[in-house]
N, C-alpha and C. Protein backbone atom coordinates (compact mmCIF):
# COMPACT_ATOMS: atom_id res chain seq x y z
N MET A 1 -9.25 -13.77 16.51
CA MET A 1 -8.12 -12.82 16.49
C MET A 1 -8.31 -11.76 17.57
N LYS A 2 -7.22 -11.38 18.18
CA LYS A 2 -7.22 -10.28 19.15
C LYS A 2 -7.81 -9.02 18.53
N ARG A 3 -8.53 -8.25 19.34
CA ARG A 3 -9.02 -6.96 18.88
C ARG A 3 -8.00 -5.88 19.23
N TYR A 4 -7.75 -5.01 18.28
CA TYR A 4 -6.74 -3.94 18.43
C TYR A 4 -7.43 -2.60 18.54
N GLY A 5 -6.71 -1.65 19.11
CA GLY A 5 -7.24 -0.29 19.17
C GLY A 5 -7.06 0.46 17.87
N VAL A 6 -6.03 0.09 17.11
CA VAL A 6 -5.71 0.77 15.85
C VAL A 6 -5.44 -0.28 14.77
N TYR A 7 -6.08 -0.09 13.63
CA TYR A 7 -5.85 -0.94 12.46
C TYR A 7 -5.29 -0.06 11.34
N LEU A 8 -4.08 -0.35 10.94
CA LEU A 8 -3.43 0.39 9.87
C LEU A 8 -3.32 -0.51 8.64
N PHE A 9 -3.47 0.09 7.48
CA PHE A 9 -3.53 -0.68 6.24
C PHE A 9 -2.56 -0.13 5.20
N ASP A 10 -1.98 -1.04 4.43
CA ASP A 10 -1.40 -0.66 3.15
C ASP A 10 -2.57 -0.25 2.25
N PHE A 11 -2.28 0.38 1.12
CA PHE A 11 -3.37 0.80 0.24
C PHE A 11 -3.52 -0.11 -0.97
N ASP A 12 -2.54 -0.09 -1.88
CA ASP A 12 -2.65 -0.88 -3.12
C ASP A 12 -2.67 -2.38 -2.82
N TYR A 13 -3.66 -3.05 -3.38
CA TYR A 13 -3.83 -4.49 -3.22
C TYR A 13 -4.19 -4.91 -1.79
N THR A 14 -4.49 -3.93 -0.92
CA THR A 14 -4.97 -4.24 0.41
C THR A 14 -6.38 -3.69 0.60
N LEU A 15 -6.52 -2.37 0.45
CA LEU A 15 -7.84 -1.74 0.51
C LEU A 15 -8.46 -1.60 -0.88
N ALA A 16 -7.62 -1.42 -1.87
CA ALA A 16 -8.12 -1.10 -3.21
C ALA A 16 -7.26 -1.76 -4.28
N ASP A 17 -7.88 -1.93 -5.44
CA ASP A 17 -7.16 -2.46 -6.60
C ASP A 17 -6.95 -1.33 -7.59
N SER A 18 -5.73 -0.83 -7.64
CA SER A 18 -5.38 0.22 -8.59
C SER A 18 -4.43 -0.32 -9.66
N SER A 19 -4.41 -1.65 -9.80
CA SER A 19 -3.44 -2.27 -10.71
C SER A 19 -3.65 -1.85 -12.16
N ARG A 20 -4.89 -1.62 -12.54
CA ARG A 20 -5.13 -1.20 -13.93
C ARG A 20 -4.46 0.15 -14.20
N GLY A 21 -4.67 1.11 -13.30
CA GLY A 21 -4.05 2.41 -13.47
C GLY A 21 -2.54 2.35 -13.36
N ILE A 22 -2.03 1.52 -12.45
CA ILE A 22 -0.59 1.38 -12.28
C ILE A 22 0.05 0.83 -13.54
N VAL A 23 -0.54 -0.21 -14.10
CA VAL A 23 -0.01 -0.79 -15.34
C VAL A 23 -0.03 0.24 -16.47
N MET A 24 -1.11 0.99 -16.57
CA MET A 24 -1.20 2.03 -17.60
C MET A 24 -0.06 3.02 -17.48
N CYS A 25 0.23 3.45 -16.25
CA CYS A 25 1.27 4.46 -16.04
C CYS A 25 2.67 3.90 -16.32
N PHE A 26 2.92 2.69 -15.87
CA PHE A 26 4.21 2.06 -16.16
C PHE A 26 4.38 1.89 -17.66
N ARG A 27 3.34 1.42 -18.33
CA ARG A 27 3.43 1.20 -19.78
C ARG A 27 3.73 2.51 -20.51
N HIS A 28 3.11 3.59 -20.06
CA HIS A 28 3.35 4.90 -20.68
C HIS A 28 4.83 5.25 -20.64
N VAL A 29 5.46 5.08 -19.48
CA VAL A 29 6.87 5.43 -19.33
C VAL A 29 7.77 4.42 -20.04
N LEU A 30 7.50 3.15 -19.86
CA LEU A 30 8.35 2.11 -20.47
C LEU A 30 8.36 2.19 -21.98
N GLU A 31 7.18 2.37 -22.57
CA GLU A 31 7.11 2.45 -24.03
C GLU A 31 7.74 3.73 -24.54
N ARG A 32 7.59 4.80 -23.77
CA ARG A 32 8.20 6.08 -24.16
C ARG A 32 9.72 5.96 -24.26
N HIS A 33 10.29 5.09 -23.44
CA HIS A 33 11.75 4.95 -23.41
C HIS A 33 12.24 3.66 -24.09
N GLY A 34 11.35 3.02 -24.83
CA GLY A 34 11.77 1.92 -25.68
C GLY A 34 11.91 0.56 -25.02
N TYR A 35 11.32 0.38 -23.85
CA TYR A 35 11.39 -0.92 -23.19
C TYR A 35 10.26 -1.81 -23.68
N LYS A 36 10.62 -2.95 -24.22
CA LYS A 36 9.65 -3.89 -24.78
C LYS A 36 9.69 -5.21 -24.01
N GLY A 37 8.63 -5.97 -24.17
CA GLY A 37 8.62 -7.33 -23.62
C GLY A 37 8.43 -7.43 -22.12
N ILE A 38 8.00 -6.37 -21.47
CA ILE A 38 7.72 -6.41 -20.03
C ILE A 38 6.22 -6.61 -19.85
N ASP A 39 5.83 -7.77 -19.32
CA ASP A 39 4.40 -8.08 -19.26
C ASP A 39 3.74 -7.48 -18.02
N ASP A 40 2.41 -7.53 -18.02
CA ASP A 40 1.65 -6.94 -16.91
C ASP A 40 1.97 -7.62 -15.59
N HIS A 41 2.19 -8.93 -15.62
CA HIS A 41 2.47 -9.66 -14.38
C HIS A 41 3.74 -9.12 -13.71
N ALA A 42 4.77 -8.86 -14.52
CA ALA A 42 6.02 -8.33 -13.97
C ALA A 42 5.80 -6.96 -13.34
N ILE A 43 4.99 -6.13 -13.99
CA ILE A 43 4.67 -4.81 -13.44
C ILE A 43 3.92 -4.95 -12.12
N LYS A 44 2.91 -5.80 -12.09
CA LYS A 44 2.09 -5.96 -10.88
C LYS A 44 2.90 -6.50 -9.71
N ARG A 45 3.92 -7.29 -9.99
CA ARG A 45 4.75 -7.84 -8.92
C ARG A 45 5.55 -6.75 -8.20
N THR A 46 5.68 -5.58 -8.82
CA THR A 46 6.43 -4.49 -8.18
C THR A 46 5.54 -3.57 -7.34
N ILE A 47 4.22 -3.79 -7.37
CA ILE A 47 3.32 -2.93 -6.61
C ILE A 47 3.64 -3.03 -5.13
N GLY A 48 3.79 -1.89 -4.48
CA GLY A 48 4.16 -1.83 -3.07
C GLY A 48 5.58 -1.33 -2.87
N LYS A 49 6.38 -1.40 -3.92
CA LYS A 49 7.74 -0.86 -3.87
C LYS A 49 7.69 0.60 -4.29
N THR A 50 8.76 1.36 -4.01
CA THR A 50 8.81 2.73 -4.51
C THR A 50 8.88 2.70 -6.03
N LEU A 51 8.52 3.80 -6.65
CA LEU A 51 8.55 3.85 -8.11
C LEU A 51 9.97 3.66 -8.63
N GLU A 52 10.95 4.25 -7.95
CA GLU A 52 12.34 4.08 -8.39
C GLU A 52 12.76 2.62 -8.32
N GLU A 53 12.40 1.95 -7.23
CA GLU A 53 12.74 0.53 -7.10
C GLU A 53 12.06 -0.28 -8.19
N ALA A 54 10.79 0.01 -8.44
CA ALA A 54 10.04 -0.73 -9.44
C ALA A 54 10.64 -0.55 -10.83
N PHE A 55 10.95 0.67 -11.20
CA PHE A 55 11.53 0.90 -12.52
C PHE A 55 12.91 0.24 -12.63
N SER A 56 13.66 0.24 -11.56
CA SER A 56 14.97 -0.42 -11.60
C SER A 56 14.81 -1.92 -11.82
N ILE A 57 13.86 -2.53 -11.13
CA ILE A 57 13.60 -3.96 -11.29
C ILE A 57 13.17 -4.27 -12.73
N LEU A 58 12.31 -3.44 -13.27
CA LEU A 58 11.74 -3.71 -14.60
C LEU A 58 12.71 -3.43 -15.74
N THR A 59 13.59 -2.46 -15.55
CA THR A 59 14.46 -2.02 -16.66
C THR A 59 15.93 -2.37 -16.47
N GLY A 60 16.32 -2.64 -15.23
CA GLY A 60 17.73 -2.86 -14.95
C GLY A 60 18.52 -1.58 -14.77
N VAL A 61 17.89 -0.42 -14.91
CA VAL A 61 18.54 0.86 -14.73
C VAL A 61 18.85 1.09 -13.26
N GLU A 62 20.04 1.60 -12.96
CA GLU A 62 20.41 1.91 -11.59
C GLU A 62 20.75 3.38 -11.38
N ASP A 63 20.86 4.13 -12.46
CA ASP A 63 21.21 5.55 -12.36
C ASP A 63 20.08 6.32 -11.69
N ALA A 64 20.41 7.00 -10.59
CA ALA A 64 19.39 7.68 -9.79
C ALA A 64 18.66 8.77 -10.57
N ALA A 65 19.38 9.52 -11.39
CA ALA A 65 18.75 10.61 -12.14
C ALA A 65 17.75 10.07 -13.16
N THR A 66 18.10 8.97 -13.81
CA THR A 66 17.20 8.36 -14.79
C THR A 66 15.96 7.82 -14.10
N LEU A 67 16.14 7.15 -12.98
CA LEU A 67 15.00 6.61 -12.25
C LEU A 67 14.10 7.72 -11.73
N SER A 68 14.69 8.84 -11.33
CA SER A 68 13.91 9.99 -10.89
C SER A 68 13.08 10.55 -12.04
N LEU A 69 13.67 10.58 -13.23
CA LEU A 69 12.94 11.03 -14.41
C LEU A 69 11.75 10.12 -14.69
N TYR A 70 11.97 8.81 -14.64
CA TYR A 70 10.89 7.86 -14.88
C TYR A 70 9.77 8.05 -13.86
N ARG A 71 10.16 8.27 -12.59
CA ARG A 71 9.15 8.50 -11.55
C ARG A 71 8.32 9.74 -11.86
N SER A 72 8.99 10.81 -12.27
CA SER A 72 8.28 12.06 -12.57
C SER A 72 7.31 11.87 -13.72
N GLU A 73 7.73 11.14 -14.75
CA GLU A 73 6.85 10.90 -15.89
C GLU A 73 5.65 10.03 -15.49
N TYR A 74 5.90 9.05 -14.63
CA TYR A 74 4.82 8.20 -14.13
C TYR A 74 3.80 9.03 -13.35
N VAL A 75 4.29 9.85 -12.42
CA VAL A 75 3.40 10.66 -11.58
C VAL A 75 2.57 11.62 -12.42
N SER A 76 3.19 12.23 -13.41
CA SER A 76 2.47 13.16 -14.28
C SER A 76 1.35 12.45 -15.03
N HIS A 77 1.65 11.25 -15.54
CA HIS A 77 0.62 10.50 -16.27
C HIS A 77 -0.48 10.04 -15.32
N ALA A 78 -0.10 9.67 -14.09
CA ALA A 78 -1.07 9.18 -13.11
C ALA A 78 -2.08 10.25 -12.73
N ASP A 79 -1.69 11.52 -12.82
CA ASP A 79 -2.61 12.60 -12.49
C ASP A 79 -3.90 12.52 -13.31
N GLY A 80 -3.78 11.98 -14.52
CA GLY A 80 -4.94 11.94 -15.39
C GLY A 80 -5.70 10.63 -15.43
N CYS A 81 -5.14 9.57 -14.82
CA CYS A 81 -5.81 8.27 -15.00
C CYS A 81 -5.88 7.39 -13.77
N MET A 82 -5.13 7.68 -12.72
CA MET A 82 -5.05 6.72 -11.62
C MET A 82 -6.36 6.58 -10.85
N THR A 83 -6.91 7.69 -10.40
CA THR A 83 -8.12 7.61 -9.57
C THR A 83 -9.27 6.96 -10.32
N ALA A 84 -9.42 7.27 -11.58
CA ALA A 84 -10.51 6.70 -12.38
C ALA A 84 -10.35 5.21 -12.60
N ASN A 85 -9.15 4.70 -12.42
CA ASN A 85 -8.88 3.28 -12.65
C ASN A 85 -8.53 2.54 -11.35
N THR A 86 -9.07 3.04 -10.24
CA THR A 86 -8.89 2.42 -8.93
C THR A 86 -10.25 2.04 -8.37
N ARG A 87 -10.34 0.87 -7.75
CA ARG A 87 -11.59 0.39 -7.18
C ARG A 87 -11.35 -0.19 -5.80
N LEU A 88 -12.23 0.11 -4.86
CA LEU A 88 -12.18 -0.56 -3.56
C LEU A 88 -12.46 -2.04 -3.75
N PHE A 89 -11.83 -2.88 -2.92
CA PHE A 89 -12.23 -4.27 -2.90
C PHE A 89 -13.63 -4.36 -2.31
N PRO A 90 -14.40 -5.39 -2.68
CA PRO A 90 -15.83 -5.43 -2.29
C PRO A 90 -16.10 -5.31 -0.80
N GLU A 91 -15.21 -5.84 0.04
CA GLU A 91 -15.47 -5.83 1.48
C GLU A 91 -14.91 -4.62 2.20
N THR A 92 -14.10 -3.79 1.53
CA THR A 92 -13.34 -2.75 2.22
C THR A 92 -14.21 -1.79 3.02
N ALA A 93 -15.21 -1.20 2.40
CA ALA A 93 -16.03 -0.20 3.09
C ALA A 93 -16.74 -0.81 4.29
N ARG A 94 -17.26 -2.01 4.14
CA ARG A 94 -17.98 -2.67 5.23
C ARG A 94 -17.06 -2.97 6.40
N VAL A 95 -15.86 -3.46 6.12
CA VAL A 95 -14.91 -3.79 7.19
C VAL A 95 -14.47 -2.53 7.93
N LEU A 96 -14.13 -1.49 7.19
CA LEU A 96 -13.71 -0.24 7.83
C LEU A 96 -14.82 0.34 8.71
N SER A 97 -16.04 0.30 8.21
CA SER A 97 -17.17 0.81 8.98
C SER A 97 -17.36 0.00 10.26
N ALA A 98 -17.24 -1.32 10.17
CA ALA A 98 -17.43 -2.18 11.34
C ALA A 98 -16.35 -1.95 12.38
N LEU A 99 -15.11 -1.76 11.93
CA LEU A 99 -14.01 -1.51 12.87
C LEU A 99 -14.25 -0.21 13.63
N ARG A 100 -14.69 0.79 12.92
CA ARG A 100 -14.91 2.09 13.56
C ARG A 100 -16.14 2.03 14.49
N GLU A 101 -17.14 1.27 14.13
CA GLU A 101 -18.32 1.15 14.98
C GLU A 101 -17.99 0.49 16.32
N ARG A 102 -16.98 -0.37 16.34
CA ARG A 102 -16.62 -0.98 17.62
C ARG A 102 -15.53 -0.19 18.35
N GLY A 103 -15.24 1.01 17.87
CA GLY A 103 -14.38 1.92 18.60
C GLY A 103 -12.93 1.95 18.19
N ALA A 104 -12.56 1.18 17.17
CA ALA A 104 -11.17 1.17 16.72
C ALA A 104 -10.90 2.38 15.83
N ARG A 105 -9.64 2.76 15.78
CA ARG A 105 -9.21 3.79 14.84
C ARG A 105 -8.50 3.14 13.66
N THR A 106 -8.51 3.83 12.53
CA THR A 106 -7.99 3.25 11.30
C THR A 106 -7.09 4.24 10.58
N GLY A 107 -6.17 3.70 9.78
CA GLY A 107 -5.27 4.55 9.01
C GLY A 107 -4.63 3.81 7.86
N ILE A 108 -3.91 4.55 7.05
CA ILE A 108 -3.22 4.01 5.88
C ILE A 108 -1.75 4.38 5.96
N ILE A 109 -0.87 3.41 5.70
CA ILE A 109 0.57 3.64 5.58
C ILE A 109 0.98 3.06 4.24
N SER A 110 1.41 3.91 3.31
CA SER A 110 1.61 3.46 1.93
C SER A 110 2.83 4.11 1.30
N THR A 111 3.38 3.46 0.29
CA THR A 111 4.41 4.09 -0.53
C THR A 111 3.79 4.96 -1.62
N LYS A 112 2.48 4.96 -1.73
CA LYS A 112 1.79 5.83 -2.67
C LYS A 112 1.76 7.25 -2.10
N TYR A 113 1.61 8.23 -2.97
CA TYR A 113 1.50 9.61 -2.50
C TYR A 113 0.20 9.78 -1.71
N ARG A 114 0.29 10.47 -0.57
CA ARG A 114 -0.90 10.70 0.25
C ARG A 114 -1.98 11.45 -0.52
N TYR A 115 -1.59 12.46 -1.29
CA TYR A 115 -2.60 13.24 -2.01
C TYR A 115 -3.34 12.37 -3.01
N ARG A 116 -2.66 11.39 -3.59
CA ARG A 116 -3.30 10.49 -4.55
C ARG A 116 -4.28 9.57 -3.83
N ILE A 117 -3.88 9.06 -2.68
CA ILE A 117 -4.77 8.22 -1.89
C ILE A 117 -6.02 8.99 -1.50
N MET A 118 -5.83 10.22 -1.01
CA MET A 118 -6.96 11.00 -0.52
C MET A 118 -7.90 11.40 -1.65
N GLU A 119 -7.35 11.66 -2.82
CA GLU A 119 -8.20 11.98 -3.98
C GLU A 119 -9.20 10.86 -4.22
N PHE A 120 -8.71 9.62 -4.10
CA PHE A 120 -9.60 8.47 -4.30
C PHE A 120 -10.50 8.23 -3.09
N VAL A 121 -9.91 8.20 -1.91
CA VAL A 121 -10.67 7.90 -0.69
C VAL A 121 -11.81 8.88 -0.49
N ASP A 122 -11.55 10.15 -0.72
CA ASP A 122 -12.60 11.16 -0.52
C ASP A 122 -13.76 11.00 -1.49
N SER A 123 -13.53 10.29 -2.58
CA SER A 123 -14.59 10.10 -3.58
C SER A 123 -15.44 8.86 -3.33
N VAL A 124 -14.96 7.95 -2.44
CA VAL A 124 -15.68 6.67 -2.30
C VAL A 124 -16.03 6.30 -0.86
N LEU A 125 -15.45 6.98 0.13
CA LEU A 125 -15.69 6.64 1.52
C LEU A 125 -16.14 7.86 2.31
N PRO A 126 -16.90 7.66 3.38
CA PRO A 126 -17.36 8.80 4.19
C PRO A 126 -16.18 9.58 4.77
N HIS A 127 -16.40 10.87 4.92
CA HIS A 127 -15.37 11.73 5.53
C HIS A 127 -15.06 11.23 6.94
N GLY A 128 -13.80 11.18 7.29
CA GLY A 128 -13.41 10.75 8.62
C GLY A 128 -13.23 9.26 8.76
N THR A 129 -13.26 8.52 7.64
CA THR A 129 -13.06 7.07 7.72
C THR A 129 -11.70 6.74 8.31
N PHE A 130 -10.69 7.55 8.00
CA PHE A 130 -9.34 7.29 8.48
C PHE A 130 -8.89 8.38 9.45
N ASP A 131 -8.26 7.95 10.53
CA ASP A 131 -7.73 8.88 11.51
C ASP A 131 -6.37 9.42 11.08
N ILE A 132 -5.66 8.66 10.26
CA ILE A 132 -4.33 9.09 9.79
C ILE A 132 -4.04 8.44 8.45
N VAL A 133 -3.41 9.19 7.57
CA VAL A 133 -2.96 8.66 6.28
C VAL A 133 -1.53 9.15 6.07
N ILE A 134 -0.60 8.22 5.92
CA ILE A 134 0.80 8.56 5.71
C ILE A 134 1.25 8.00 4.37
N GLY A 135 1.66 8.90 3.49
CA GLY A 135 2.14 8.51 2.18
C GLY A 135 3.63 8.71 2.05
N CYS A 136 4.14 8.48 0.85
CA CYS A 136 5.60 8.53 0.67
C CYS A 136 6.18 9.92 0.90
N GLU A 137 5.36 10.97 0.73
CA GLU A 137 5.88 12.32 0.92
C GLU A 137 6.00 12.70 2.39
N ASP A 138 5.48 11.82 3.28
CA ASP A 138 5.46 12.14 4.71
C ASP A 138 6.62 11.54 5.49
N VAL A 139 7.42 10.70 4.83
CA VAL A 139 8.50 10.00 5.54
C VAL A 139 9.83 10.23 4.84
N ARG A 140 10.90 10.08 5.59
CA ARG A 140 12.24 10.19 5.01
C ARG A 140 12.63 8.91 4.28
N ALA A 141 12.19 7.79 4.82
CA ALA A 141 12.53 6.49 4.24
C ALA A 141 11.26 5.68 4.01
N PRO A 142 11.07 5.14 2.82
CA PRO A 142 9.85 4.39 2.52
C PRO A 142 9.88 2.99 3.14
N LYS A 143 8.75 2.31 3.15
CA LYS A 143 8.72 0.92 3.58
C LYS A 143 9.76 0.12 2.77
N PRO A 144 10.44 -0.84 3.39
CA PRO A 144 10.15 -1.45 4.69
C PRO A 144 10.69 -0.72 5.92
N SER A 145 11.13 0.51 5.77
CA SER A 145 11.44 1.30 6.96
C SER A 145 10.19 1.37 7.83
N PRO A 146 10.33 1.23 9.13
CA PRO A 146 9.16 1.29 10.02
C PRO A 146 8.71 2.71 10.33
N GLU A 147 9.35 3.70 9.72
CA GLU A 147 9.10 5.10 10.08
C GLU A 147 7.62 5.46 10.05
N GLY A 148 6.92 5.09 8.98
CA GLY A 148 5.51 5.45 8.85
C GLY A 148 4.64 4.83 9.92
N LEU A 149 4.85 3.54 10.20
CA LEU A 149 4.07 2.87 11.24
C LEU A 149 4.34 3.47 12.61
N ILE A 150 5.60 3.70 12.91
CA ILE A 150 5.94 4.27 14.22
C ILE A 150 5.38 5.68 14.35
N MET A 151 5.45 6.46 13.26
CA MET A 151 4.89 7.81 13.26
C MET A 151 3.39 7.78 13.54
N ALA A 152 2.68 6.85 12.92
CA ALA A 152 1.24 6.74 13.11
C ALA A 152 0.90 6.39 14.55
N ALA A 153 1.61 5.41 15.11
CA ALA A 153 1.34 5.01 16.50
C ALA A 153 1.59 6.18 17.44
N ARG A 154 2.66 6.91 17.20
CA ARG A 154 3.00 8.05 18.06
C ARG A 154 1.93 9.14 17.95
N ARG A 155 1.52 9.46 16.74
CA ARG A 155 0.51 10.52 16.56
C ARG A 155 -0.83 10.13 17.15
N LEU A 156 -1.15 8.83 17.11
CA LEU A 156 -2.42 8.37 17.66
C LEU A 156 -2.33 8.09 19.15
N GLY A 157 -1.12 8.15 19.68
CA GLY A 157 -0.93 7.98 21.12
C GLY A 157 -1.18 6.59 21.63
N VAL A 158 -0.78 5.58 20.84
CA VAL A 158 -1.00 4.19 21.25
C VAL A 158 0.33 3.43 21.22
N PRO A 159 0.48 2.43 22.07
CA PRO A 159 1.67 1.58 22.01
C PRO A 159 1.61 0.69 20.77
N THR A 160 2.76 0.30 20.26
CA THR A 160 2.79 -0.54 19.06
C THR A 160 2.09 -1.87 19.29
N GLY A 161 2.00 -2.32 20.54
CA GLY A 161 1.31 -3.57 20.83
C GLY A 161 -0.19 -3.51 20.63
N ASP A 162 -0.73 -2.33 20.45
CA ASP A 162 -2.18 -2.16 20.23
C ASP A 162 -2.47 -1.84 18.77
N VAL A 163 -1.49 -2.13 17.89
CA VAL A 163 -1.62 -1.82 16.47
C VAL A 163 -1.52 -3.10 15.64
N LEU A 164 -2.41 -3.24 14.67
CA LEU A 164 -2.30 -4.28 13.65
C LEU A 164 -2.08 -3.61 12.30
N TYR A 165 -1.12 -4.12 11.55
CA TYR A 165 -0.89 -3.62 10.19
C TYR A 165 -1.27 -4.70 9.20
N ALA A 166 -2.15 -4.37 8.26
CA ALA A 166 -2.61 -5.31 7.25
C ALA A 166 -2.03 -4.91 5.89
N GLY A 167 -1.45 -5.88 5.20
CA GLY A 167 -0.88 -5.60 3.88
C GLY A 167 -0.80 -6.85 3.04
N ASP A 168 -0.49 -6.65 1.77
CA ASP A 168 -0.50 -7.77 0.82
C ASP A 168 0.87 -8.26 0.43
N SER A 169 1.93 -7.56 0.80
CA SER A 169 3.25 -7.86 0.25
C SER A 169 4.28 -8.18 1.33
N THR A 170 5.40 -8.76 0.90
CA THR A 170 6.48 -9.02 1.85
C THR A 170 7.08 -7.70 2.35
N VAL A 171 7.00 -6.65 1.56
CA VAL A 171 7.44 -5.33 2.03
C VAL A 171 6.61 -4.91 3.24
N ASP A 172 5.31 -5.14 3.18
CA ASP A 172 4.44 -4.80 4.31
C ASP A 172 4.80 -5.64 5.54
N ALA A 173 5.05 -6.93 5.31
CA ALA A 173 5.41 -7.82 6.42
C ALA A 173 6.73 -7.38 7.06
N GLU A 174 7.70 -7.01 6.23
CA GLU A 174 8.98 -6.53 6.75
C GLU A 174 8.80 -5.23 7.54
N THR A 175 7.92 -4.37 7.06
CA THR A 175 7.67 -3.10 7.73
C THR A 175 7.09 -3.32 9.12
N ALA A 176 6.09 -4.19 9.21
CA ALA A 176 5.48 -4.50 10.50
C ALA A 176 6.50 -5.10 11.46
N MET A 177 7.30 -6.02 10.95
CA MET A 177 8.32 -6.66 11.78
C MET A 177 9.31 -5.63 12.32
N ALA A 178 9.74 -4.71 11.45
CA ALA A 178 10.70 -3.69 11.87
C ALA A 178 10.11 -2.73 12.89
N ALA A 179 8.79 -2.49 12.79
CA ALA A 179 8.13 -1.56 13.72
C ALA A 179 7.71 -2.23 15.02
N GLY A 180 7.74 -3.56 15.05
CA GLY A 180 7.30 -4.26 16.24
C GLY A 180 5.80 -4.29 16.40
N VAL A 181 5.07 -4.28 15.28
CA VAL A 181 3.61 -4.37 15.34
C VAL A 181 3.16 -5.69 14.71
N ASP A 182 1.99 -6.16 15.12
CA ASP A 182 1.45 -7.39 14.55
C ASP A 182 1.09 -7.17 13.09
N PHE A 183 1.20 -8.26 12.31
CA PHE A 183 0.95 -8.18 10.87
C PHE A 183 -0.10 -9.20 10.46
N MET A 184 -1.01 -8.75 9.58
CA MET A 184 -1.97 -9.64 8.93
C MET A 184 -1.74 -9.56 7.43
N GLY A 185 -1.50 -10.70 6.81
CA GLY A 185 -1.33 -10.74 5.37
C GLY A 185 -2.67 -10.90 4.67
N VAL A 186 -2.83 -10.19 3.55
CA VAL A 186 -4.05 -10.24 2.76
C VAL A 186 -3.68 -10.70 1.35
N LEU A 187 -4.43 -11.68 0.84
CA LEU A 187 -4.08 -12.30 -0.44
C LEU A 187 -4.79 -11.68 -1.63
N HIS A 188 -5.00 -10.37 -1.58
CA HIS A 188 -5.60 -9.66 -2.71
C HIS A 188 -4.63 -9.49 -3.88
N GLY A 189 -3.34 -9.51 -3.59
CA GLY A 189 -2.35 -9.08 -4.58
C GLY A 189 -1.62 -10.23 -5.25
N MET A 190 -0.34 -9.97 -5.57
CA MET A 190 0.46 -10.91 -6.33
C MET A 190 1.36 -11.77 -5.44
N THR A 191 1.37 -11.48 -4.14
CA THR A 191 2.22 -12.22 -3.22
C THR A 191 1.48 -13.46 -2.72
N THR A 192 2.16 -14.58 -2.69
CA THR A 192 1.52 -15.84 -2.31
C THR A 192 1.45 -16.01 -0.80
N ARG A 193 0.59 -16.93 -0.38
CA ARG A 193 0.48 -17.26 1.04
C ARG A 193 1.84 -17.72 1.58
N GLU A 194 2.55 -18.53 0.79
CA GLU A 194 3.84 -19.05 1.23
C GLU A 194 4.87 -17.93 1.40
N GLU A 195 4.86 -16.96 0.52
CA GLU A 195 5.78 -15.83 0.64
C GLU A 195 5.50 -15.01 1.90
N LEU A 196 4.22 -14.78 2.19
CA LEU A 196 3.86 -14.01 3.38
C LEU A 196 4.13 -14.81 4.66
N ALA A 197 3.95 -16.12 4.59
CA ALA A 197 4.11 -16.97 5.77
C ALA A 197 5.55 -17.04 6.25
N ALA A 198 6.48 -16.58 5.44
CA ALA A 198 7.89 -16.58 5.84
C ALA A 198 8.18 -15.49 6.88
N TYR A 199 7.20 -14.62 7.14
CA TYR A 199 7.38 -13.51 8.08
C TYR A 199 6.43 -13.68 9.26
N PRO A 200 6.76 -13.08 10.41
CA PRO A 200 5.85 -13.14 11.56
C PRO A 200 4.48 -12.58 11.19
N ASN A 201 3.42 -13.27 11.57
CA ASN A 201 2.07 -12.79 11.26
C ASN A 201 1.09 -13.40 12.25
N VAL A 202 -0.03 -12.71 12.44
CA VAL A 202 -1.10 -13.26 13.26
C VAL A 202 -2.13 -13.98 12.42
N LEU A 203 -2.13 -13.70 11.12
CA LEU A 203 -3.09 -14.33 10.22
C LEU A 203 -2.73 -13.99 8.78
N ILE A 204 -2.98 -14.93 7.89
CA ILE A 204 -2.93 -14.66 6.45
C ILE A 204 -4.31 -15.02 5.93
N ALA A 205 -5.01 -14.04 5.36
CA ALA A 205 -6.40 -14.21 4.99
C ALA A 205 -6.65 -13.91 3.53
N GLU A 206 -7.72 -14.48 3.00
CA GLU A 206 -8.09 -14.24 1.62
C GLU A 206 -8.48 -12.79 1.40
N ASP A 207 -9.12 -12.18 2.39
CA ASP A 207 -9.53 -10.78 2.26
C ASP A 207 -9.71 -10.18 3.65
N LEU A 208 -10.18 -8.95 3.69
CA LEU A 208 -10.25 -8.20 4.94
C LEU A 208 -11.38 -8.62 5.86
N THR A 209 -12.30 -9.46 5.40
CA THR A 209 -13.42 -9.86 6.25
C THR A 209 -12.95 -10.66 7.47
N ALA A 210 -11.73 -11.15 7.44
CA ALA A 210 -11.18 -11.84 8.61
C ALA A 210 -11.10 -10.93 9.83
N LEU A 211 -11.14 -9.62 9.62
CA LEU A 211 -11.08 -8.67 10.72
C LEU A 211 -12.42 -8.49 11.44
N LEU A 212 -13.48 -9.02 10.85
CA LEU A 212 -14.81 -8.81 11.44
C LEU A 212 -15.06 -9.80 12.58
């Protein structure tokens, strides 16, 4: 694989597995509002989408005010349980360290809140592991809008042709395509190889060690 100057990553199901905490938070809100029969698999399939989109998919609700309420309740519950129920994938720290040792810069572009990402990252990785972290509070439009990727390339002063974006979902693939950056699919999550292969990519890999 070509070596890039900048490697940008999705967070959930790409660098870390926070599915346990995510399911806990969704269950808290869904049960509070009387939604039954929604299994964990259905919840996990929404990881990578905005909270409003995910709740709409799971409940069928389309009212913006109701979805905003569900998001607020989710975020409040996540304050107490998300970081404790998130784990790096086994290869993540080693891959990030190796990329930086060979002179590449690294970052995160996620629909998760930046402060939530940093709360976890600061507890498990050396300071300065990432040159840039862009969360949902930093952009006007969430993925698959290319805004976050383009913002990162601009702030780091690199052309999009020197950027690789790694993610686990079709939302990530769509984001890379819209931004004009190369995409690597990672099979840590719920999205299949066939689903990712429908989009332009330089590689679809079982895990991040393909970057070494």
